[in-house]
Amino acid sequence: MPSYVIEFDSSHGPERRLFTLDDDRTLEIQLFQVLEELRQSGRVLQGAPGDELAASWNGNELTMHAPLSTLGVDGSRPLVLRMRPRPTVVAPAARVPASRYTMRHVVLPPVEGALGALAAWGLAGFLTDLRSPIVSVDRADLAVAVLLGGAIGLALCIGSMIRGVVRAPVAVACTVVCALSGLLLLAALAFAGDAPTVRQFLLARIVGWLLLAVAMALTITAPLGDLGSARWAEATVVALCAGLLSALVASLPGVSELWQAVAFLVCGALVGGAALSIPIWRHVGSATGASALPHSSTPVRAA
């Protein structure tokens, strides 16, 4: 077996010693035997905790997992041993999936809800006109209540369907439920009786608008499961504000048609915001924040 001069820096300074190595054995195993012999003689290679053993010959780094015969090494030049820091492997950045929502999903729903409410107000005026084919006051109220919920729900569902948020069957089902939600407004007003006091009528109107707004908001936001469970609370709270504000506006003195139009618009816009804009805005903000966070660069020690 050939002999090799091995150079190293130990606790006693730079040194060189002669060792006999087997060309057919793995270099790593033999060098650890060399280190053990040096340790027994009181020599320890200089290095920091966690460093690993490295060997070079003629200025070239040698792989530790191959025999000398395959590395092109001979005894004409010394082997140099040293301790070096372990190479670090940076964990790949976690890839944040792109959200299917954009800012137009936040901006458009209140506009669509308001347009649907405006259409409902226009048709409601026709149904309550003296020349309307519906001559019964109860039937007119029923038609207006169902029309309000259905028009707002239809506008919001069509917008969501165009933007690819919901499919057509789901949009149709949500529109039907929103239309039936109008019965809650009518039921609350009917509960006040035929001759209610001003206080009873105002209370019934507030309760009816609250029920209508909350029912529509929860219906529209129901299919959007990817927005998380927080959307239920967000939709409920904002819809309650929408219902209360709409009821108060509709009860203002003066031109009733004007205040009814404003109440319809407020309800439609805020229901769109409650059901879609606010939950989507939160979702987009959290997704953007997650992608903006610096990814962990904690080094992972190579084996």
C-alpha atoms as a PDB file:
ATOM      1  CA  MET A   1       0.000   0.000   0.000  1.00  0.00           C
ATOM      2  CA  PRO A   2       1.421   3.412  -0.923  1.00  0.00           C
ATOM      3  CA  SER A   3       2.344   6.051   1.612  1.00  0.00           C
ATOM      4  CA  TYR A   4       1.004   9.593   1.517  1.00  0.00           C
ATOM      5  CA  VAL A   5       2.167  12.766   3.167  1.00  0.00           C
ATOM      6  CA  ILE A   6      -0.783  14.380   4.939  1.00  0.00           C
ATOM      7  CA  GLU A   7      -0.683  18.058   5.867  1.00  0.00           C
ATOM      8  CA  PHE A   8      -2.984  19.538   8.492  1.00  0.00           C
ATOM      9  CA  ASP A   9      -3.361  22.372  11.010  1.00  0.00           C
ATOM     10  CA  SER A  10      -3.678  21.059  14.542  1.00  0.00           C
ATOM     11  CA  SER A  11      -3.635  22.512  18.009  1.00  0.00           C
ATOM     12  CA  HIS A  12       0.170  22.449  17.669  1.00  0.00           C
ATOM     13  CA  GLY A  13       0.222  24.439  14.421  1.00  0.00           C
ATOM     14  CA  PRO A  14       0.830  23.331  10.806  1.00  0.00           C
ATOM     15  CA  GLU A  15       2.133  19.793  10.569  1.00  0.00           C
ATOM     16  CA  ARG A  16       2.745  17.051   8.052  1.00  0.00           C
ATOM     17  CA  ARG A  17       2.918  13.309   8.660  1.00  0.00           C
ATOM     18  CA  LEU A  18       3.360  10.178   6.622  1.00  0.00           C
ATOM     19  CA  PHE A  19       0.487   7.656   6.534  1.00  0.00           C
ATOM     20  CA  THR A  20      -0.042   4.435   4.627  1.00  0.00           C
ATOM     21  CA  LEU A  21      -3.377   4.391   2.770  1.00  0.00           C
ATOM     22  CA  ASP A  22      -5.146   1.704   0.785  1.00  0.00           C
ATOM     23  CA  ASP A  23      -5.984   2.831  -2.768  1.00  0.00           C
ATOM     24  CA  ASP A  24      -8.975   0.488  -2.903  1.00  0.00           C
ATOM     25  CA  ARG A  25     -10.719   1.642   0.260  1.00  0.00           C
ATOM     26  CA  THR A  26     -13.029   4.584   0.598  1.00  0.00           C
ATOM     27  CA  LEU A  27     -11.153   7.779   1.431  1.00  0.00           C
ATOM     28  CA  GLU A  28     -13.577   8.826   4.190  1.00  0.00           C
ATOM     29  CA  ILE A  29     -13.059   5.657   6.248  1.00  0.00           C
ATOM     30  CA  GLN A  30      -9.272   5.914   6.046  1.00  0.00           C
ATOM     31  CA  LEU A  31      -9.182   9.599   6.931  1.00  0.00           C
ATOM     32  CA  PHE A  32     -11.244   9.002  10.050  1.00  0.00           C
ATOM     33  CA  GLN A  33      -8.649   6.401  11.034  1.00  0.00           C
ATOM     34  CA  VAL A  34      -5.988   9.041  10.448  1.00  0.00           C
ATOM     35  CA  LEU A  35      -7.876  11.457  12.713  1.00  0.00           C
ATOM     36  CA  GLU A  36      -8.078   8.815  15.410  1.00  0.00           C
ATOM     37  CA  GLU A  37      -4.304   8.241  15.261  1.00  0.00           C
ATOM     38  CA  LEU A  38      -3.731  11.996  15.451  1.00  0.00           C
ATOM     39  CA  ARG A  39      -6.065  12.271  18.440  1.00  0.00           C
ATOM     40  CA  GLN A  40      -4.143   9.557  20.258  1.00  0.00           C
ATOM     41  CA  SER A  41      -0.991  11.578  19.724  1.00  0.00           C
ATOM     42  CA  GLY A  42      -2.654  14.743  21.064  1.00  0.00           C
ATOM     43  CA  ARG A  43      -3.359  16.359  17.691  1.00  0.00           C
ATOM     44  CA  VAL A  44      -6.773  17.748  16.851  1.00  0.00           C
ATOM     45  CA  LEU A  45      -7.583  19.506  13.585  1.00  0.00           C
ATOM     46  CA  GLN A  46      -8.479  23.157  13.982  1.00  0.00           C
ATOM     47  CA  GLY A  47     -12.144  23.923  13.329  1.00  0.00           C
ATOM     48  CA  ALA A  48     -15.391  25.177  14.767  1.00  0.00           C
ATOM     49  CA  PRO A  49     -18.140  23.029  16.306  1.00  0.00           C
ATOM     50  CA  GLY A  50     -20.238  21.470  13.572  1.00  0.00           C
ATOM     51  CA  ASP A  51     -17.490  21.651  10.919  1.00  0.00           C
ATOM     52  CA  GLU A  52     -16.875  18.659   8.679  1.00  0.00           C
ATOM     53  CA  LEU A  53     -13.707  17.038   7.415  1.00  0.00           C
ATOM     54  CA  ALA A  54     -12.491  17.966   3.915  1.00  0.00           C
ATOM     55  CA  ALA A  55      -9.525  16.727   1.881  1.00  0.00           C
ATOM     56  CA  SER A  56      -7.782  18.173  -1.150  1.00  0.00           C
ATOM     57  CA  TRP A  57      -4.912  17.119  -3.377  1.00  0.00           C
ATOM     58  CA  ASN A  58      -3.020  19.338  -5.771  1.00  0.00           C
ATOM     59  CA  GLY A  59      -5.515  22.130  -5.076  1.00  0.00           C
ATOM     60  CA  ASN A  60      -8.556  20.021  -5.955  1.00  0.00           C
ATOM     61  CA  GLU A  61     -11.297  19.116  -3.485  1.00  0.00           C
ATOM     62  CA  LEU A  62     -11.666  15.324  -3.144  1.00  0.00           C
ATOM     63  CA  THR A  63     -14.903  13.464  -2.693  1.00  0.00           C
ATOM     64  CA  MET A  64     -14.890  11.504   0.526  1.00  0.00           C
ATOM     65  CA  HIS A  65     -17.005   8.609  -0.676  1.00  0.00           C
ATOM     66  CA  ALA A  66     -14.689   7.145  -3.319  1.00  0.00           C
ATOM     67  CA  PRO A  67     -11.418   5.150  -3.149  1.00  0.00           C
ATOM     68  CA  LEU A  68      -8.118   6.858  -3.934  1.00  0.00           C
ATOM     69  CA  SER A  69      -7.645   4.746  -7.060  1.00  0.00           C
ATOM     70  CA  THR A  70     -10.605   6.468  -8.726  1.00  0.00           C
ATOM     71  CA  LEU A  71      -9.597   9.996  -7.680  1.00  0.00           C
ATOM     72  CA  GLY A  72      -6.337  10.224  -9.645  1.00  0.00           C
ATOM     73  CA  VAL A  73      -4.346  10.751  -6.447  1.00  0.00           C
ATOM     74  CA  ASP A  74      -0.736   9.603  -5.984  1.00  0.00           C
ATOM     75  CA  GLY A  75       2.003  10.108  -3.456  1.00  0.00           C
ATOM     76  CA  SER A  76       3.832  12.778  -5.432  1.00  0.00           C
ATOM     77  CA  ARG A  77       1.935  15.538  -3.646  1.00  0.00           C
ATOM     78  CA  PRO A  78       0.595  15.703  -0.087  1.00  0.00           C
ATOM     79  CA  LEU A  79      -2.989  15.291   0.945  1.00  0.00           C
ATOM     80  CA  VAL A  80      -4.291  18.350   2.785  1.00  0.00           C
ATOM     81  CA  LEU A  81      -6.824  17.860   5.572  1.00  0.00           C
ATOM     82  CA  ARG A  82      -8.894  20.654   7.084  1.00  0.00           C
ATOM     83  CA  MET A  83     -12.152  21.246   8.906  1.00  0.00           C
ATOM     84  CA  ARG A  84     -14.657  23.383   7.031  1.00  0.00           C
ATOM     85  CA  PRO A  85     -18.210  24.599   7.745  1.00  0.00           C
ATOM     86  CA  ARG A  86     -20.878  22.256   6.512  1.00  0.00           C
ATOM     87  CA  PRO A  87     -22.559  23.480   3.313  1.00  0.00           C
ATOM     88  CA  THR A  88     -25.999  24.901   3.966  1.00  0.00           C
ATOM     89  CA  VAL A  89     -29.083  24.116   1.959  1.00  0.00           C
ATOM     90  CA  VAL A  90     -31.673  26.883   1.993  1.00  0.00           C
ATOM     91  CA  ALA A  91     -35.192  25.511   2.137  1.00  0.00           C
ATOM     92  CA  PRO A  92     -37.089  26.402  -1.045  1.00  0.00           C
ATOM     93  CA  ALA A  93     -39.546  29.233  -0.681  1.00  0.00           C
ATOM     94  CA  ALA A  94     -43.040  28.018   0.001  1.00  0.00           C
ATOM     95  CA  ARG A  95     -45.172  28.774  -2.980  1.00  0.00           C
ATOM     96  CA  VAL A  96     -48.377  30.633  -2.133  1.00  0.00           C
ATOM     97  CA  PRO A  97     -51.191  29.610  -4.478  1.00  0.00           C
ATOM     98  CA  ALA A  98     -52.615  32.483  -6.450  1.00  0.00           C
ATOM     99  CA  SER A  99     -56.031  33.638  -5.333  1.00  0.00           C
ATOM    100  CA  ARG A 100     -58.859  33.496  -7.837  1.00  0.00           C
ATOM    101  CA  TYR A 101     -60.118  36.820  -6.502  1.00  0.00           C
ATOM    102  CA  THR A 102     -59.023  40.282  -7.582  1.00  0.00           C
ATOM    103  CA  MET A 103     -60.028  43.780  -6.572  1.00  0.00           C
ATOM    104  CA  ARG A 104     -62.888  43.800  -9.069  1.00  0.00           C
ATOM    105  CA  HIS A 105     -64.488  41.062  -6.970  1.00  0.00           C
ATOM    106  CA  VAL A 106     -64.410  43.577  -4.110  1.00  0.00           C
ATOM    107  CA  VAL A 107     -65.549  46.691  -5.971  1.00  0.00           C
ATOM    108  CA  LEU A 108     -68.327  45.362  -8.205  1.00  0.00           C
ATOM    109  CA  PRO A 109     -70.745  43.584  -5.790  1.00  0.00           C
ATOM    110  CA  PRO A 110     -71.996  46.786  -4.071  1.00  0.00           C
ATOM    111  CA  VAL A 111     -72.570  48.339  -7.493  1.00  0.00           C
ATOM    112  CA  GLU A 112     -74.424  45.259  -8.712  1.00  0.00           C
ATOM    113  CA  GLY A 113     -76.527  45.112  -5.555  1.00  0.00           C
ATOM    114  CA  ALA A 114     -77.442  48.775  -5.923  1.00  0.00           C
ATOM    115  CA  LEU A 115     -78.395  48.297  -9.577  1.00  0.00           C
ATOM    116  CA  GLY A 116     -80.567  45.315  -8.695  1.00  0.00           C
ATOM    117  CA  ALA A 117     -82.247  47.356  -5.957  1.00  0.00           C
ATOM    118  CA  LEU A 118     -82.797  50.234  -8.365  1.00  0.00           C
ATOM    119  CA  ALA A 119     -84.465  47.869 -10.837  1.00  0.00           C
ATOM    120  CA  ALA A 120     -86.655  46.533  -8.028  1.00  0.00           C
ATOM    121  CA  TRP A 121     -87.653  50.084  -7.074  1.00  0.00           C
ATOM    122  CA  GLY A 122     -88.630  50.884 -10.663  1.00  0.00           C
ATOM    123  CA  LEU A 123     -90.793  47.785 -10.960  1.00  0.00           C
ATOM    124  CA  ALA A 124     -92.230  48.389  -7.498  1.00  0.00           C
ATOM    125  CA  GLY A 125     -93.413  51.794  -8.626  1.00  0.00           C
ATOM    126  CA  PHE A 126     -95.210  50.189 -11.528  1.00  0.00           C
ATOM    127  CA  LEU A 127     -96.859  47.580  -9.291  1.00  0.00           C
ATOM    128  CA  THR A 128     -98.153  50.204  -6.836  1.00  0.00           C
ATOM    129  CA  ASP A 129     -99.342  52.598  -9.544  1.00  0.00           C
ATOM    130  CA  LEU A 130    -103.072  53.197  -9.862  1.00  0.00           C
ATOM    131  CA  ARG A 131    -103.032  51.728 -13.358  1.00  0.00           C
ATOM    132  CA  SER A 132    -101.249  48.593 -12.190  1.00  0.00           C
ATOM    133  CA  PRO A 133    -102.969  45.277 -12.929  1.00  0.00           C
ATOM    134  CA  ILE A 134    -102.419  44.386  -9.253  1.00  0.00           C
ATOM    135  CA  VAL A 135    -105.218  46.193  -7.453  1.00  0.00           C
ATOM    136  CA  SER A 136    -104.881  44.506  -4.062  1.00  0.00           C
ATOM    137  CA  VAL A 137    -102.600  46.309  -1.608  1.00  0.00           C
ATOM    138  CA  ASP A 138    -101.575  43.035   0.011  1.00  0.00           C
ATOM    139  CA  ARG A 139    -100.677  41.515  -3.337  1.00  0.00           C
ATOM    140  CA  ALA A 140     -98.714  44.612  -4.281  1.00  0.00           C
ATOM    141  CA  ASP A 141     -96.759  44.472  -1.017  1.00  0.00           C
ATOM    142  CA  LEU A 142     -96.104  40.785  -1.585  1.00  0.00           C
ATOM    143  CA  ALA A 143     -94.872  41.429  -5.110  1.00  0.00           C
ATOM    144  CA  VAL A 144     -92.635  44.315  -4.011  1.00  0.00           C
ATOM    145  CA  ALA A 145     -91.118  42.333  -1.139  1.00  0.00           C
ATOM    146  CA  VAL A 146     -90.347  39.314  -3.327  1.00  0.00           C
ATOM    147  CA  LEU A 147     -89.160  41.579  -6.124  1.00  0.00           C
ATOM    148  CA  LEU A 148     -86.711  43.405  -3.850  1.00  0.00           C
ATOM    149  CA  GLY A 149     -85.037  40.226  -2.620  1.00  0.00           C
ATOM    150  CA  GLY A 150     -85.099  38.590  -6.028  1.00  0.00           C
ATOM    151  CA  ALA A 151     -83.689  41.584  -7.940  1.00  0.00           C
ATOM    152  CA  ILE A 152     -80.809  42.141  -5.541  1.00  0.00           C
ATOM    153  CA  GLY A 153     -80.048  38.421  -5.413  1.00  0.00           C
ATOM    154  CA  LEU A 154     -80.261  38.112  -9.198  1.00  0.00           C
ATOM    155  CA  ALA A 155     -77.890  41.018  -9.796  1.00  0.00           C
ATOM    156  CA  LEU A 156     -75.324  39.707  -7.324  1.00  0.00           C
ATOM    157  CA  CYS A 157     -75.569  36.128  -8.579  1.00  0.00           C
ATOM    158  CA  ILE A 158     -75.214  37.153 -12.226  1.00  0.00           C
ATOM    159  CA  GLY A 159     -72.122  39.196 -11.371  1.00  0.00           C
ATOM    160  CA  SER A 160     -70.600  36.316  -9.397  1.00  0.00           C
ATOM    161  CA  MET A 161     -71.399  33.891 -12.203  1.00  0.00           C
ATOM    162  CA  ILE A 162     -69.782  36.141 -14.835  1.00  0.00           C
ATOM    163  CA  ARG A 163     -66.632  36.408 -12.732  1.00  0.00           C
ATOM    164  CA  GLY A 164     -66.538  32.631 -12.315  1.00  0.00           C
ATOM    165  CA  VAL A 165     -67.196  32.633  -8.574  1.00  0.00           C
ATOM    166  CA  VAL A 166     -70.336  30.431  -8.722  1.00  0.00           C
ATOM    167  CA  ARG A 167     -71.897  28.161 -11.321  1.00  0.00           C
ATOM    168  CA  ALA A 168     -75.224  28.789 -12.978  1.00  0.00           C
ATOM    169  CA  PRO A 169     -77.277  26.231 -10.952  1.00  0.00           C
ATOM    170  CA  VAL A 170     -75.978  27.673  -7.690  1.00  0.00           C
ATOM    171  CA  ALA A 171     -76.708  31.206  -8.894  1.00  0.00           C
ATOM    172  CA  VAL A 172     -80.295  30.255  -9.760  1.00  0.00           C
ATOM    173  CA  ALA A 173     -80.839  28.585  -6.382  1.00  0.00           C
ATOM    174  CA  CYS A 174     -79.445  31.597  -4.502  1.00  0.00           C
ATOM    175  CA  THR A 175     -81.657  33.970  -6.497  1.00  0.00           C
ATOM    176  CA  VAL A 176     -84.758  31.954  -5.617  1.00  0.00           C
ATOM    177  CA  VAL A 177     -83.850  31.938  -1.930  1.00  0.00           C
ATOM    178  CA  CYS A 178     -83.220  35.691  -1.989  1.00  0.00           C
ATOM    179  CA  ALA A 179     -86.615  36.246  -3.613  1.00  0.00           C
ATOM    180  CA  LEU A 180     -88.314  34.154  -0.939  1.00  0.00           C
ATOM    181  CA  SER A 181     -86.427  36.167   1.692  1.00  0.00           C
ATOM    182  CA  GLY A 182     -88.628  39.101   0.744  1.00  0.00           C
ATOM    183  CA  LEU A 183     -91.443  37.309   2.523  1.00  0.00           C
ATOM    184  CA  LEU A 184     -89.635  37.986   5.808  1.00  0.00           C
ATOM    185  CA  LEU A 185     -90.099  41.726   5.303  1.00  0.00           C
ATOM    186  CA  LEU A 186     -93.746  41.273   4.465  1.00  0.00           C
ATOM    187  CA  ALA A 187     -94.292  38.927   7.433  1.00  0.00           C
ATOM    188  CA  ALA A 188     -92.775  41.407   9.860  1.00  0.00           C
ATOM    189  CA  LEU A 189     -95.017  44.203   8.602  1.00  0.00           C
ATOM    190  CA  ALA A 190     -98.062  41.943   8.732  1.00  0.00           C
ATOM    191  CA  PHE A 191     -97.228  40.988  12.292  1.00  0.00           C
ATOM    192  CA  ALA A 192     -97.792  44.603  13.352  1.00  0.00           C
ATOM    193  CA  GLY A 193    -101.492  44.219  12.575  1.00  0.00           C
ATOM    194  CA  ASP A 194    -103.984  46.232  10.572  1.00  0.00           C
ATOM    195  CA  ALA A 195    -103.868  49.319  12.783  1.00  0.00           C
ATOM    196  CA  PRO A 196    -100.422  49.503  14.345  1.00  0.00           C
ATOM    197  CA  THR A 197     -99.118  52.457  16.261  1.00  0.00           C
ATOM    198  CA  VAL A 198     -96.245  54.470  14.849  1.00  0.00           C
ATOM    199  CA  ARG A 199     -93.853  52.746  17.211  1.00  0.00           C
ATOM    200  CA  GLN A 200     -95.149  49.274  16.324  1.00  0.00           C
ATOM    201  CA  PHE A 201     -95.001  50.003  12.602  1.00  0.00           C
ATOM    202  CA  LEU A 202     -91.436  51.353  12.847  1.00  0.00           C
ATOM    203  CA  LEU A 203     -90.327  48.365  14.928  1.00  0.00           C
ATOM    204  CA  ALA A 204     -91.923  45.924  12.486  1.00  0.00           C
ATOM    205  CA  ARG A 205     -90.296  47.663   9.539  1.00  0.00           C
ATOM    206  CA  ILE A 206     -86.874  47.543  11.202  1.00  0.00           C
ATOM    207  CA  VAL A 207     -87.234  43.850  12.038  1.00  0.00           C
ATOM    208  CA  GLY A 208     -88.417  43.079   8.512  1.00  0.00           C
ATOM    209  CA  TRP A 209     -85.502  44.883   6.850  1.00  0.00           C
ATOM    210  CA  LEU A 210     -83.038  43.246   9.245  1.00  0.00           C
ATOM    211  CA  LEU A 211     -84.342  39.774   8.443  1.00  0.00           C
ATOM    212  CA  LEU A 212     -84.376  40.454   4.713  1.00  0.00           C
ATOM    213  CA  ALA A 213     -80.836  41.862   4.572  1.00  0.00           C
ATOM    214  CA  VAL A 214     -79.320  39.108   6.717  1.00  0.00           C
ATOM    215  CA  ALA A 215     -81.101  36.350   4.795  1.00  0.00           C
ATOM    216  CA  MET A 216     -79.892  37.707   1.443  1.00  0.00           C
ATOM    217  CA  ALA A 217     -76.306  38.222   2.624  1.00  0.00           C
ATOM    218  CA  LEU A 218     -76.024  34.737   4.099  1.00  0.00           C
ATOM    219  CA  THR A 219     -77.544  33.204   0.981  1.00  0.00           C
ATOM    220  CA  ILE A 220     -75.154  34.962  -1.402  1.00  0.00           C
ATOM    221  CA  THR A 221     -72.051  34.225   0.669  1.00  0.00           C
ATOM    222  CA  ALA A 222     -72.974  30.583   1.353  1.00  0.00           C
ATOM    223  CA  PRO A 223     -71.373  29.043  -1.799  1.00  0.00           C
ATOM    224  CA  LEU A 224     -68.012  30.751  -1.198  1.00  0.00           C
ATOM    225  CA  GLY A 225     -66.527  28.159   1.132  1.00  0.00           C
ATOM    226  CA  ASP A 226     -62.950  29.143   0.290  1.00  0.00           C
ATOM    227  CA  LEU A 227     -63.461  32.473   2.088  1.00  0.00           C
ATOM    228  CA  GLY A 228     -63.533  30.717   5.442  1.00  0.00           C
ATOM    229  CA  SER A 229     -66.065  30.554   8.231  1.00  0.00           C
ATOM    230  CA  ALA A 230     -65.451  34.188   9.194  1.00  0.00           C
ATOM    231  CA  ARG A 231     -67.596  35.235   6.225  1.00  0.00           C
ATOM    232  CA  TRP A 232     -70.748  34.248   8.123  1.00  0.00           C
ATOM    233  CA  ALA A 233     -70.073  36.716  10.927  1.00  0.00           C
ATOM    234  CA  GLU A 234     -68.951  39.430   8.523  1.00  0.00           C
ATOM    235  CA  ALA A 235     -72.029  39.026   6.357  1.00  0.00           C
ATOM    236  CA  THR A 236     -74.359  39.023   9.366  1.00  0.00           C
ATOM    237  CA  VAL A 237     -72.911  42.114  11.034  1.00  0.00           C
ATOM    238  CA  VAL A 238     -72.811  44.247   7.903  1.00  0.00           C
ATOM    239  CA  ALA A 239     -76.243  43.017   6.788  1.00  0.00           C
ATOM    240  CA  LEU A 240     -77.703  44.025  10.151  1.00  0.00           C
ATOM    241  CA  CYS A 241     -76.343  47.525   9.611  1.00  0.00           C
ATOM    242  CA  ALA A 242     -77.792  47.490   6.087  1.00  0.00           C
ATOM    243  CA  GLY A 243     -81.225  46.435   7.309  1.00  0.00           C
ATOM    244  CA  LEU A 244     -81.310  48.995  10.110  1.00  0.00           C
ATOM    245  CA  LEU A 245     -80.179  51.846   7.889  1.00  0.00           C
ATOM    246  CA  SER A 246     -82.613  50.895   5.112  1.00  0.00           C
ATOM    247  CA  ALA A 247     -85.530  50.710   7.550  1.00  0.00           C
ATOM    248  CA  LEU A 248     -84.733  54.118   9.008  1.00  0.00           C
ATOM    249  CA  VAL A 249     -84.346  55.704   5.574  1.00  0.00           C
ATOM    250  CA  ALA A 250     -87.618  54.180   4.348  1.00  0.00           C
ATOM    251  CA  SER A 251     -89.370  55.639   7.414  1.00  0.00           C
ATOM    252  CA  LEU A 252     -88.207  59.222   6.879  1.00  0.00           C
ATOM    253  CA  PRO A 253     -90.981  61.769   6.373  1.00  0.00           C
ATOM    254  CA  GLY A 254     -91.495  63.419   3.016  1.00  0.00           C
ATOM    255  CA  VAL A 255     -91.694  61.921  -0.449  1.00  0.00           C
ATOM    256  CA  SER A 256     -92.059  58.220   0.272  1.00  0.00           C
ATOM    257  CA  GLU A 257     -91.015  57.142  -3.239  1.00  0.00           C
ATOM    258  CA  LEU A 258     -87.712  58.974  -2.874  1.00  0.00           C
ATOM    259  CA  TRP A 259     -86.883  57.484   0.521  1.00  0.00           C
ATOM    260  CA  GLN A 260     -87.968  54.057  -0.690  1.00  0.00           C
ATOM    261  CA  ALA A 261     -85.530  54.350  -3.599  1.00  0.00           C
ATOM    262  CA  VAL A 262     -82.705  55.375  -1.250  1.00  0.00           C
ATOM    263  CA  ALA A 263     -83.581  52.540   1.140  1.00  0.00           C
ATOM    264  CA  PHE A 264     -83.533  50.022  -1.714  1.00  0.00           C
ATOM    265  CA  LEU A 265     -80.160  51.315  -2.940  1.00  0.00           C
ATOM    266  CA  VAL A 266     -78.630  51.234   0.542  1.00  0.00           C
ATOM    267  CA  CYS A 267     -79.872  47.704   1.097  1.00  0.00           C
ATOM    268  CA  GLY A 268     -78.601  46.424  -2.256  1.00  0.00           C
ATOM    269  CA  ALA A 269     -75.170  48.032  -1.958  1.00  0.00           C
ATOM    270  CA  LEU A 270     -74.553  46.964   1.629  1.00  0.00           C
ATOM    271  CA  VAL A 271     -75.811  43.429   1.074  1.00  0.00           C
ATOM    272  CA  GLY A 272     -73.361  43.108  -1.836  1.00  0.00           C
ATOM    273  CA  GLY A 273     -70.587  44.361   0.416  1.00  0.00           C
ATOM    274  CA  ALA A 274     -71.620  42.112   3.295  1.00  0.00           C
ATOM    275  CA  ALA A 275     -71.932  38.937   1.246  1.00  0.00           C
ATOM    276  CA  LEU A 276     -69.031  39.352  -1.180  1.00  0.00           C
ATOM    277  CA  SER A 277     -66.848  42.459  -0.956  1.00  0.00           C
ATOM    278  CA  ILE A 278     -65.810  42.331   2.688  1.00  0.00           C
ATOM    279  CA  PRO A 279     -65.093  38.545   2.859  1.00  0.00           C
ATOM    280  CA  ILE A 280     -63.225  38.662  -0.464  1.00  0.00           C
ATOM    281  CA  TRP A 281     -61.301  41.777   0.587  1.00  0.00           C
ATOM    282  CA  ARG A 282     -60.201  39.997   3.750  1.00  0.00           C
ATOM    283  CA  HIS A 283     -59.245  36.907   1.765  1.00  0.00           C
ATOM    284  CA  VAL A 284     -57.251  38.871  -0.824  1.00  0.00           C
ATOM    285  CA  GLY A 285     -55.526  40.866   1.910  1.00  0.00           C
ATOM    286  CA  SER A 286     -54.514  37.769   3.856  1.00  0.00           C
ATOM    287  CA  ALA A 287     -53.270  36.019   0.704  1.00  0.00           C
ATOM    288  CA  THR A 288     -51.248  39.084  -0.310  1.00  0.00           C
ATOM    289  CA  GLY A 289     -49.826  39.406   3.173  1.00  0.00           C
ATOM    290  CA  ALA A 290     -48.815  35.751   3.255  1.00  0.00           C
ATOM    291  CA  SER A 291     -47.005  36.003  -0.089  1.00  0.00           C
ATOM    292  CA  ALA A 292     -45.250  39.184   1.078  1.00  0.00           C
ATOM    293  CA  LEU A 293     -43.893  37.595   4.257  1.00  0.00           C
ATOM    294  CA  PRO A 294     -40.214  36.666   4.052  1.00  0.00           C
ATOM    295  CA  HIS A 295     -39.821  32.929   3.735  1.00  0.00           C
ATOM    296  CA  SER A 296     -37.716  31.130   6.268  1.00  0.00           C
ATOM    297  CA  SER A 297     -34.059  30.953   5.298  1.00  0.00           C
ATOM    298  CA  THR A 298     -32.994  28.832   8.252  1.00  0.00           C
ATOM    299  CA  PRO A 299     -30.104  26.720   6.949  1.00  0.00           C
ATOM    300  CA  VAL A 300     -30.590  23.008   6.858  1.00  0.00           C
ATOM    301  CA  ARG A 301     -27.414  21.108   7.569  1.00  0.00           C
ATOM    302  CA  ALA A 302     -26.394  18.745   4.838  1.00  0.00           C
ATOM    303  CA  ALA A 303     -26.154  15.164   5.942  1.00  0.00           C
END
